[in-house]
Amino acid sequence: MIRLAQPAELPYLQQIEIASGEPFRDAGMPEIADDAPMSLEDLGAHEVWVAIGAEGVPVAFIAVGDVDGATHVHQVSVHPSHARQGIGAALIEHVTQADRAVTLTTFRDIPWNAPYYERLGFQTVVDVTPGLALIMSEEASRGLDPATRVAMSLLPAQVRA
């Protein structure tokens, strides 16, 4: 079941994000695994959807907002205990609208990042919009190497059809 996050769940979503970052440690990126999760203020400022597990609690979330007329995925995190079950793809599908592109920024060469999103139909953005450029600039200011990052877009359903 996917539904809007409740304010009381936001601290728990931070824990999901922390747990979902751990695989970066094994990929030789401990600084990503150690990075702080989205703040409660940032989570509260976005539209946040949660996937509810069998235990009745969130096991994954997606935080989205508008960037240059597209639905931008600011964060999608799946708890590792629920990974590889299609939950992340279901969350992305849930926020996909027929008339809007979906954008995100991600790591170019991490298997569960750009290659995963390519399998979902995302394509690398060649002409980065001003909003995406600002996001990527902010990422670089936080220490993310721009050479390892990529902006991606999933075209609206009517364009893909």
N, C-alpha and C. Protein backbone atom coordinates (compact mmCIF):
# COMPACT_ATOMS: atom_id res chain seq x y z
N MET A 1 0.85 -1.18 0.00
CA MET A 1 0.00 0.00 0.00
C MET A 1 0.89 1.24 0.00
N ILE A 2 0.56 2.19 -0.83
CA ILE A 2 1.28 3.47 -0.90
C ILE A 2 0.31 4.56 -0.47
N ARG A 3 0.79 5.44 0.41
CA ARG A 3 -0.04 6.55 0.88
C ARG A 3 0.87 7.71 1.25
N LEU A 4 0.26 8.88 1.46
CA LEU A 4 1.02 10.04 1.91
C LEU A 4 1.59 9.77 3.30
N ALA A 5 2.80 10.26 3.52
CA ALA A 5 3.42 10.10 4.84
C ALA A 5 2.70 10.97 5.85
N GLN A 6 2.65 10.48 7.07
CA GLN A 6 2.09 11.25 8.18
C GLN A 6 3.25 11.96 8.89
N PRO A 7 3.02 13.18 9.39
CA PRO A 7 4.11 13.93 10.03
C PRO A 7 4.86 13.14 11.10
N ALA A 8 4.17 12.34 11.87
CA ALA A 8 4.82 11.56 12.93
C ALA A 8 5.78 10.50 12.37
N GLU A 9 5.64 10.15 11.10
CA GLU A 9 6.49 9.13 10.48
C GLU A 9 7.82 9.69 9.97
N LEU A 10 7.93 11.00 9.84
CA LEU A 10 9.11 11.58 9.21
C LEU A 10 10.42 11.17 9.89
N PRO A 11 10.52 11.14 11.23
CA PRO A 11 11.78 10.67 11.83
C PRO A 11 12.10 9.21 11.46
N TYR A 12 11.09 8.39 11.33
CA TYR A 12 11.31 7.01 10.93
C TYR A 12 11.82 6.94 9.50
N LEU A 13 11.33 7.85 8.64
CA LEU A 13 11.80 7.86 7.25
C LEU A 13 13.28 8.20 7.19
N GLN A 14 13.74 9.04 8.11
CA GLN A 14 15.17 9.33 8.17
C GLN A 14 15.95 8.04 8.44
N GLN A 15 15.42 7.19 9.29
CA GLN A 15 16.09 5.92 9.59
C GLN A 15 16.12 5.00 8.37
N ILE A 16 15.06 5.03 7.58
CA ILE A 16 15.03 4.25 6.34
C ILE A 16 16.12 4.76 5.40
N GLU A 17 16.24 6.08 5.30
CA GLU A 17 17.26 6.66 4.41
C GLU A 17 18.67 6.28 4.88
N ILE A 18 18.91 6.34 6.17
CA ILE A 18 20.22 5.96 6.70
C ILE A 18 20.52 4.49 6.36
N ALA A 19 19.56 3.62 6.61
CA ALA A 19 19.76 2.19 6.32
C ALA A 19 19.98 1.95 4.83
N SER A 20 19.24 2.67 3.99
CA SER A 20 19.37 2.45 2.55
C SER A 20 20.69 2.99 2.02
N GLY A 21 21.37 3.81 2.79
CA GLY A 21 22.68 4.32 2.37
C GLY A 21 23.83 3.36 2.64
N GLU A 22 23.61 2.38 3.48
CA GLU A 22 24.69 1.47 3.87
C GLU A 22 25.34 0.74 2.69
N PRO A 23 24.60 0.33 1.66
CA PRO A 23 25.27 -0.34 0.53
C PRO A 23 26.35 0.51 -0.14
N PHE A 24 26.29 1.83 0.01
CA PHE A 24 27.34 2.67 -0.56
C PHE A 24 28.70 2.40 0.10
N ARG A 25 28.67 1.98 1.34
CA ARG A 25 29.91 1.65 2.05
C ARG A 25 30.63 0.51 1.32
N ASP A 26 29.88 -0.52 0.94
CA ASP A 26 30.47 -1.66 0.22
C ASP A 26 30.90 -1.28 -1.20
N ALA A 27 30.34 -0.19 -1.74
CA ALA A 27 30.69 0.28 -3.08
C ALA A 27 31.88 1.25 -3.03
N GLY A 28 32.52 1.36 -1.85
CA GLY A 28 33.68 2.23 -1.73
C GLY A 28 33.34 3.69 -1.56
N MET A 29 32.12 3.98 -1.11
CA MET A 29 31.68 5.35 -0.92
C MET A 29 31.17 5.55 0.51
N PRO A 30 32.03 5.38 1.50
CA PRO A 30 31.58 5.49 2.89
C PRO A 30 31.05 6.88 3.23
N GLU A 31 31.55 7.90 2.54
CA GLU A 31 31.06 9.25 2.80
C GLU A 31 29.58 9.40 2.45
N ILE A 32 29.09 8.64 1.50
CA ILE A 32 27.67 8.66 1.15
C ILE A 32 26.89 7.91 2.22
N ALA A 33 27.41 6.77 2.64
CA ALA A 33 26.75 6.01 3.71
C ALA A 33 26.67 6.83 4.99
N ASP A 34 27.67 7.66 5.24
CA ASP A 34 27.71 8.46 6.46
C ASP A 34 27.00 9.81 6.34
N ASP A 35 26.52 10.13 5.16
CA ASP A 35 25.85 11.42 4.94
C ASP A 35 24.55 11.48 5.74
N ALA A 36 24.25 12.65 6.24
CA ALA A 36 23.02 12.85 7.02
C ALA A 36 21.80 12.67 6.12
N PRO A 37 20.71 12.15 6.66
CA PRO A 37 19.47 12.01 5.87
C PRO A 37 18.84 13.39 5.66
N MET A 38 17.82 13.42 4.83
CA MET A 38 17.06 14.66 4.66
C MET A 38 16.59 15.14 6.03
N SER A 39 16.65 16.43 6.24
CA SER A 39 16.19 16.97 7.52
C SER A 39 14.68 16.83 7.62
N LEU A 40 14.19 16.90 8.84
CA LEU A 40 12.73 16.85 9.04
C LEU A 40 12.07 18.02 8.33
N GLU A 41 12.73 19.17 8.32
CA GLU A 41 12.18 20.34 7.63
C GLU A 41 12.09 20.09 6.13
N ASP A 42 13.15 19.50 5.54
CA ASP A 42 13.12 19.20 4.11
C ASP A 42 12.05 18.16 3.79
N LEU A 43 11.97 17.13 4.61
CA LEU A 43 10.93 16.12 4.38
C LEU A 43 9.55 16.76 4.45
N GLY A 44 9.35 17.62 5.44
CA GLY A 44 8.06 18.28 5.60
C GLY A 44 7.72 19.24 4.48
N ALA A 45 8.74 19.72 3.78
CA ALA A 45 8.52 20.68 2.69
C ALA A 45 8.21 20.00 1.36
N HIS A 46 8.33 18.69 1.30
CA HIS A 46 8.09 17.95 0.06
C HIS A 46 6.81 17.13 0.17
N GLU A 47 6.37 16.68 -0.98
CA GLU A 47 5.29 15.69 -1.02
C GLU A 47 5.96 14.34 -0.80
N VAL A 48 5.61 13.67 0.28
CA VAL A 48 6.28 12.42 0.64
C VAL A 48 5.26 11.29 0.68
N TRP A 49 5.56 10.25 -0.10
CA TRP A 49 4.73 9.05 -0.16
C TRP A 49 5.50 7.91 0.48
N VAL A 50 4.79 7.05 1.18
CA VAL A 50 5.41 5.90 1.82
C VAL A 50 4.79 4.61 1.30
N ALA A 51 5.63 3.57 1.27
CA ALA A 51 5.16 2.21 0.99
C ALA A 51 5.08 1.52 2.35
N ILE A 52 3.92 0.97 2.64
CA ILE A 52 3.68 0.33 3.92
C ILE A 52 3.91 -1.17 3.79
N GLY A 53 4.71 -1.71 4.71
CA GLY A 53 5.01 -3.13 4.71
C GLY A 53 3.97 -3.94 5.46
N ALA A 54 4.18 -5.23 5.50
CA ALA A 54 3.24 -6.15 6.15
C ALA A 54 3.06 -5.83 7.63
N GLU A 55 4.07 -5.21 8.24
CA GLU A 55 4.00 -4.88 9.66
C GLU A 55 3.16 -3.63 9.91
N GLY A 56 2.70 -2.99 8.83
CA GLY A 56 1.89 -1.78 8.97
C GLY A 56 2.69 -0.50 9.13
N VAL A 57 4.00 -0.57 8.92
CA VAL A 57 4.86 0.61 9.03
C VAL A 57 5.56 0.85 7.70
N PRO A 58 5.99 2.10 7.45
CA PRO A 58 6.70 2.38 6.20
C PRO A 58 7.98 1.56 6.06
N VAL A 59 8.21 1.08 4.84
CA VAL A 59 9.44 0.36 4.52
C VAL A 59 10.23 1.10 3.45
N ALA A 60 9.60 2.14 2.87
CA ALA A 60 10.24 2.92 1.81
C ALA A 60 9.49 4.23 1.68
N PHE A 61 10.18 5.21 1.06
CA PHE A 61 9.52 6.49 0.80
C PHE A 61 10.10 7.16 -0.42
N ILE A 62 9.33 8.09 -0.94
CA ILE A 62 9.78 8.95 -2.04
C ILE A 62 9.34 10.37 -1.71
N ALA A 63 10.28 11.29 -1.81
CA ALA A 63 10.02 12.71 -1.57
C ALA A 63 10.15 13.44 -2.90
N VAL A 64 9.08 14.10 -3.31
CA VAL A 64 9.08 14.77 -4.61
C VAL A 64 8.65 16.23 -4.47
N GLY A 65 8.99 16.98 -5.49
CA GLY A 65 8.58 18.37 -5.58
C GLY A 65 8.63 18.80 -7.03
N ASP A 66 8.24 20.02 -7.29
CA ASP A 66 8.25 20.56 -8.65
C ASP A 66 9.59 21.21 -8.94
N VAL A 67 10.21 20.83 -10.06
CA VAL A 67 11.43 21.48 -10.54
C VAL A 67 11.24 21.70 -12.03
N ASP A 68 11.15 22.94 -12.41
CA ASP A 68 11.01 23.32 -13.82
C ASP A 68 9.84 22.62 -14.51
N GLY A 69 8.73 22.47 -13.80
CA GLY A 69 7.53 21.88 -14.39
C GLY A 69 7.52 20.36 -14.41
N ALA A 70 8.52 19.74 -13.84
CA ALA A 70 8.58 18.27 -13.76
C ALA A 70 8.41 17.85 -12.31
N THR A 71 7.99 16.62 -12.12
CA THR A 71 7.98 16.03 -10.78
C THR A 71 9.40 15.56 -10.51
N HIS A 72 10.06 16.21 -9.55
CA HIS A 72 11.45 15.86 -9.27
C HIS A 72 11.54 14.98 -8.03
N VAL A 73 12.24 13.88 -8.18
CA VAL A 73 12.48 12.96 -7.07
C VAL A 73 13.69 13.48 -6.30
N HIS A 74 13.43 14.03 -5.11
CA HIS A 74 14.52 14.51 -4.27
C HIS A 74 15.17 13.37 -3.51
N GLN A 75 14.38 12.37 -3.17
CA GLN A 75 14.92 11.22 -2.47
C GLN A 75 13.96 10.05 -2.63
N VAL A 76 14.51 8.90 -2.89
CA VAL A 76 13.75 7.65 -2.82
C VAL A 76 14.62 6.66 -2.06
N SER A 77 14.06 6.09 -1.02
CA SER A 77 14.81 5.16 -0.16
C SER A 77 13.94 3.96 0.17
N VAL A 78 14.55 2.79 0.04
CA VAL A 78 13.90 1.54 0.40
C VAL A 78 14.77 0.88 1.47
N HIS A 79 14.15 0.49 2.58
CA HIS A 79 14.92 -0.18 3.62
C HIS A 79 15.53 -1.45 3.01
N PRO A 80 16.81 -1.72 3.30
CA PRO A 80 17.46 -2.90 2.71
C PRO A 80 16.71 -4.21 2.95
N SER A 81 15.99 -4.32 4.05
CA SER A 81 15.24 -5.56 4.30
C SER A 81 14.08 -5.75 3.33
N HIS A 82 13.75 -4.70 2.57
CA HIS A 82 12.67 -4.78 1.60
C HIS A 82 13.14 -4.46 0.18
N ALA A 83 14.46 -4.45 -0.02
CA ALA A 83 15.03 -4.14 -1.33
C ALA A 83 14.76 -5.28 -2.32
N ARG A 84 14.85 -4.93 -3.58
CA ARG A 84 14.71 -5.90 -4.68
C ARG A 84 13.35 -6.58 -4.73
N GLN A 85 12.34 -5.81 -4.32
CA GLN A 85 10.96 -6.32 -4.37
C GLN A 85 10.07 -5.43 -5.25
N GLY A 86 10.67 -4.47 -5.94
CA GLY A 86 9.90 -3.59 -6.82
C GLY A 86 9.26 -2.42 -6.09
N ILE A 87 9.60 -2.21 -4.84
CA ILE A 87 8.95 -1.14 -4.06
C ILE A 87 9.38 0.24 -4.56
N GLY A 88 10.68 0.41 -4.84
CA GLY A 88 11.15 1.69 -5.37
C GLY A 88 10.49 2.01 -6.70
N ALA A 89 10.41 1.03 -7.57
CA ALA A 89 9.75 1.23 -8.87
C ALA A 89 8.28 1.58 -8.69
N ALA A 90 7.62 0.93 -7.73
CA ALA A 90 6.20 1.23 -7.47
C ALA A 90 6.02 2.66 -6.98
N LEU A 91 6.95 3.13 -6.13
CA LEU A 91 6.86 4.51 -5.66
C LEU A 91 7.06 5.49 -6.81
N ILE A 92 8.02 5.21 -7.69
CA ILE A 92 8.23 6.09 -8.84
C ILE A 92 7.01 6.07 -9.74
N GLU A 93 6.47 4.91 -9.99
CA GLU A 93 5.27 4.83 -10.82
C GLU A 93 4.12 5.61 -10.17
N HIS A 94 4.04 5.56 -8.85
CA HIS A 94 2.96 6.24 -8.14
C HIS A 94 3.01 7.75 -8.35
N VAL A 95 4.21 8.33 -8.42
CA VAL A 95 4.31 9.79 -8.58
C VAL A 95 4.36 10.22 -10.04
N THR A 96 4.36 9.24 -10.95
CA THR A 96 4.38 9.55 -12.37
C THR A 96 2.98 9.94 -12.83
N GLN A 97 2.91 11.09 -13.48
CA GLN A 97 1.64 11.58 -14.01
C GLN A 97 1.72 11.56 -15.53
N ALA A 98 0.58 11.43 -16.17
CA ALA A 98 0.54 11.32 -17.62
C ALA A 98 1.08 12.56 -18.32
N ASP A 99 0.97 13.72 -17.68
CA ASP A 99 1.32 14.95 -18.38
C ASP A 99 2.60 15.62 -17.89
N ARG A 100 3.37 14.95 -17.04
CA ARG A 100 4.59 15.57 -16.50
C ARG A 100 5.76 14.60 -16.56
N ALA A 101 6.91 15.13 -16.87
CA ALA A 101 8.13 14.34 -16.79
C ALA A 101 8.48 14.12 -15.31
N VAL A 102 9.26 13.10 -15.04
CA VAL A 102 9.81 12.85 -13.71
C VAL A 102 11.33 12.97 -13.86
N THR A 103 11.94 13.79 -12.99
CA THR A 103 13.39 13.96 -13.05
C THR A 103 14.02 13.54 -11.73
N LEU A 104 15.32 13.30 -11.79
CA LEU A 104 16.10 13.00 -10.59
C LEU A 104 17.56 13.19 -10.92
N THR A 105 18.38 13.27 -9.88
CA THR A 105 19.82 13.23 -10.05
C THR A 105 20.31 12.02 -9.27
N THR A 106 21.36 11.39 -9.78
CA THR A 106 21.81 10.14 -9.19
C THR A 106 23.26 9.87 -9.56
N PHE A 107 23.82 8.82 -8.99
CA PHE A 107 25.17 8.42 -9.33
C PHE A 107 25.16 7.68 -10.66
N ARG A 108 26.07 8.06 -11.51
CA ARG A 108 26.16 7.54 -12.88
C ARG A 108 26.46 6.03 -12.92
N ASP A 109 27.38 5.55 -12.08
CA ASP A 109 27.89 4.19 -12.24
C ASP A 109 27.54 3.22 -11.12
N ILE A 110 26.73 3.63 -10.16
CA ILE A 110 26.32 2.72 -9.09
C ILE A 110 25.15 1.88 -9.61
N PRO A 111 25.24 0.54 -9.55
CA PRO A 111 24.21 -0.31 -10.17
C PRO A 111 22.78 -0.01 -9.75
N TRP A 112 22.56 0.36 -8.50
CA TRP A 112 21.19 0.63 -8.04
C TRP A 112 20.83 2.11 -8.21
N ASN A 113 21.61 2.84 -8.98
CA ASN A 113 21.31 4.24 -9.29
C ASN A 113 21.03 4.36 -10.79
N ALA A 114 21.85 5.06 -11.56
CA ALA A 114 21.53 5.31 -12.97
C ALA A 114 21.19 4.05 -13.76
N PRO A 115 21.96 2.97 -13.65
CA PRO A 115 21.57 1.77 -14.42
C PRO A 115 20.18 1.24 -14.05
N TYR A 116 19.83 1.34 -12.79
CA TYR A 116 18.49 0.93 -12.34
C TYR A 116 17.42 1.82 -12.96
N TYR A 117 17.64 3.14 -12.90
CA TYR A 117 16.65 4.06 -13.44
C TYR A 117 16.52 3.92 -14.95
N GLU A 118 17.62 3.58 -15.64
CA GLU A 118 17.53 3.32 -17.08
C GLU A 118 16.60 2.14 -17.34
N ARG A 119 16.67 1.11 -16.50
CA ARG A 119 15.78 -0.04 -16.67
C ARG A 119 14.31 0.36 -16.47
N LEU A 120 14.08 1.42 -15.70
CA LEU A 120 12.71 1.91 -15.48
C LEU A 120 12.25 2.85 -16.60
N GLY A 121 13.14 3.16 -17.54
CA GLY A 121 12.77 4.02 -18.66
C GLY A 121 13.34 5.43 -18.60
N PHE A 122 14.09 5.76 -17.56
CA PHE A 122 14.71 7.09 -17.47
C PHE A 122 15.83 7.20 -18.49
N GLN A 123 16.04 8.43 -18.95
CA GLN A 123 17.13 8.72 -19.88
C GLN A 123 17.96 9.86 -19.31
N THR A 124 19.24 9.87 -19.67
CA THR A 124 20.12 10.95 -19.26
C THR A 124 19.65 12.25 -19.88
N VAL A 125 19.61 13.30 -19.07
CA VAL A 125 19.23 14.63 -19.55
C VAL A 125 20.45 15.26 -20.20
N VAL A 126 20.32 15.63 -21.46
CA VAL A 126 21.42 16.27 -22.19
C VAL A 126 21.43 17.77 -21.91
N ASP A 127 20.29 18.41 -22.05
CA ASP A 127 20.17 19.84 -21.79
C ASP A 127 19.53 20.03 -20.41
N VAL A 128 20.37 20.22 -19.42
CA VAL A 128 19.92 20.34 -18.04
C VAL A 128 19.17 21.66 -17.86
N THR A 129 17.99 21.59 -17.26
CA THR A 129 17.19 22.79 -17.01
C THR A 129 17.82 23.61 -15.88
N PRO A 130 17.44 24.87 -15.75
CA PRO A 130 18.02 25.69 -14.67
C PRO A 130 17.82 25.09 -13.28
N GLY A 131 16.65 24.54 -13.01
CA GLY A 131 16.40 23.95 -11.70
C GLY A 131 17.27 22.74 -11.44
N LEU A 132 17.43 21.87 -12.44
CA LEU A 132 18.30 20.71 -12.29
C LEU A 132 19.75 21.14 -12.13
N ALA A 133 20.16 22.18 -12.86
CA ALA A 133 21.53 22.70 -12.73
C ALA A 133 21.76 23.21 -11.32
N LEU A 134 20.77 23.87 -10.73
CA LEU A 134 20.90 24.37 -9.36
C LEU A 134 21.03 23.20 -8.38
N ILE A 135 20.22 22.17 -8.55
CA ILE A 135 20.30 20.99 -7.69
C ILE A 135 21.68 20.36 -7.78
N MET A 136 22.20 20.21 -9.00
CA MET A 136 23.51 19.59 -9.18
C MET A 136 24.62 20.47 -8.60
N SER A 137 24.46 21.77 -8.69
CA SER A 137 25.42 22.70 -8.09
C SER A 137 25.41 22.57 -6.57
N GLU A 138 24.21 22.45 -5.99
CA GLU A 138 24.10 22.27 -4.54
C GLU A 138 24.72 20.94 -4.12
N GLU A 139 24.53 19.90 -4.93
CA GLU A 139 25.15 18.61 -4.63
C GLU A 139 26.67 18.73 -4.62
N ALA A 140 27.20 19.44 -5.61
CA ALA A 140 28.65 19.63 -5.69
C ALA A 140 29.16 20.41 -4.48
N SER A 141 28.38 21.39 -4.02
CA SER A 141 28.81 22.18 -2.85
C SER A 141 28.82 21.34 -1.58
N ARG A 142 28.08 20.22 -1.59
CA ARG A 142 28.07 19.30 -0.45
C ARG A 142 29.12 18.20 -0.61
N GLY A 143 29.94 18.30 -1.66
CA GLY A 143 31.04 17.36 -1.83
C GLY A 143 30.80 16.24 -2.82
N LEU A 144 29.66 16.22 -3.50
CA LEU A 144 29.42 15.18 -4.49
C LEU A 144 30.14 15.56 -5.78
N ASP A 145 30.99 14.69 -6.27
CA ASP A 145 31.77 14.94 -7.48
C ASP A 145 30.84 15.00 -8.69
N PRO A 146 30.77 16.15 -9.36
CA PRO A 146 29.87 16.27 -10.53
C PRO A 146 30.15 15.24 -11.61
N ALA A 147 31.39 14.77 -11.70
CA ALA A 147 31.73 13.78 -12.73
C ALA A 147 31.06 12.43 -12.46
N THR A 148 30.63 12.20 -11.22
CA THR A 148 29.98 10.93 -10.88
C THR A 148 28.46 11.02 -10.90
N ARG A 149 27.93 12.22 -11.17
CA ARG A 149 26.50 12.45 -11.08
C ARG A 149 25.88 12.61 -12.47
N VAL A 150 24.59 12.35 -12.54
CA VAL A 150 23.86 12.50 -13.79
C VAL A 150 22.42 12.91 -13.47
N ALA A 151 21.87 13.77 -14.31
CA ALA A 151 20.45 14.10 -14.23
C ALA A 151 19.73 13.20 -15.21
N MET A 152 18.56 12.70 -14.78
CA MET A 152 17.79 11.78 -15.62
C MET A 152 16.34 12.21 -15.65
N SER A 153 15.65 11.81 -16.72
CA SER A 153 14.25 12.17 -16.88
C SER A 153 13.47 10.99 -17.45
N LEU A 154 12.27 10.84 -16.94
CA LEU A 154 11.31 9.88 -17.48
C LEU A 154 10.23 10.73 -18.12
N LEU A 155 10.07 10.58 -19.41
CA LEU A 155 9.12 11.40 -20.14
C LEU A 155 7.69 11.08 -19.74
N PRO A 156 6.77 12.04 -19.92
CA PRO A 156 5.36 11.76 -19.60
C PRO A 156 4.85 10.55 -20.37
N ALA A 157 3.87 9.88 -19.78
CA ALA A 157 3.34 8.64 -20.36
C ALA A 157 2.88 8.82 -21.80
N GLN A 158 2.22 9.95 -22.11
CA GLN A 158 1.71 10.10 -23.47
C GLN A 158 2.84 10.26 -24.47
N VAL A 159 3.99 10.75 -24.04
CA VAL A 159 5.14 10.88 -24.94
C VAL A 159 5.81 9.53 -25.13
N ARG A 160 5.85 8.71 -24.07
CA ARG A 160 6.49 7.39 -24.15
C ARG A 160 5.67 6.43 -24.99
N ALA A 161 4.37 6.60 -25.01
CA ALA A 161 3.48 5.64 -25.70
C ALA A 161 3.67 5.64 -27.19
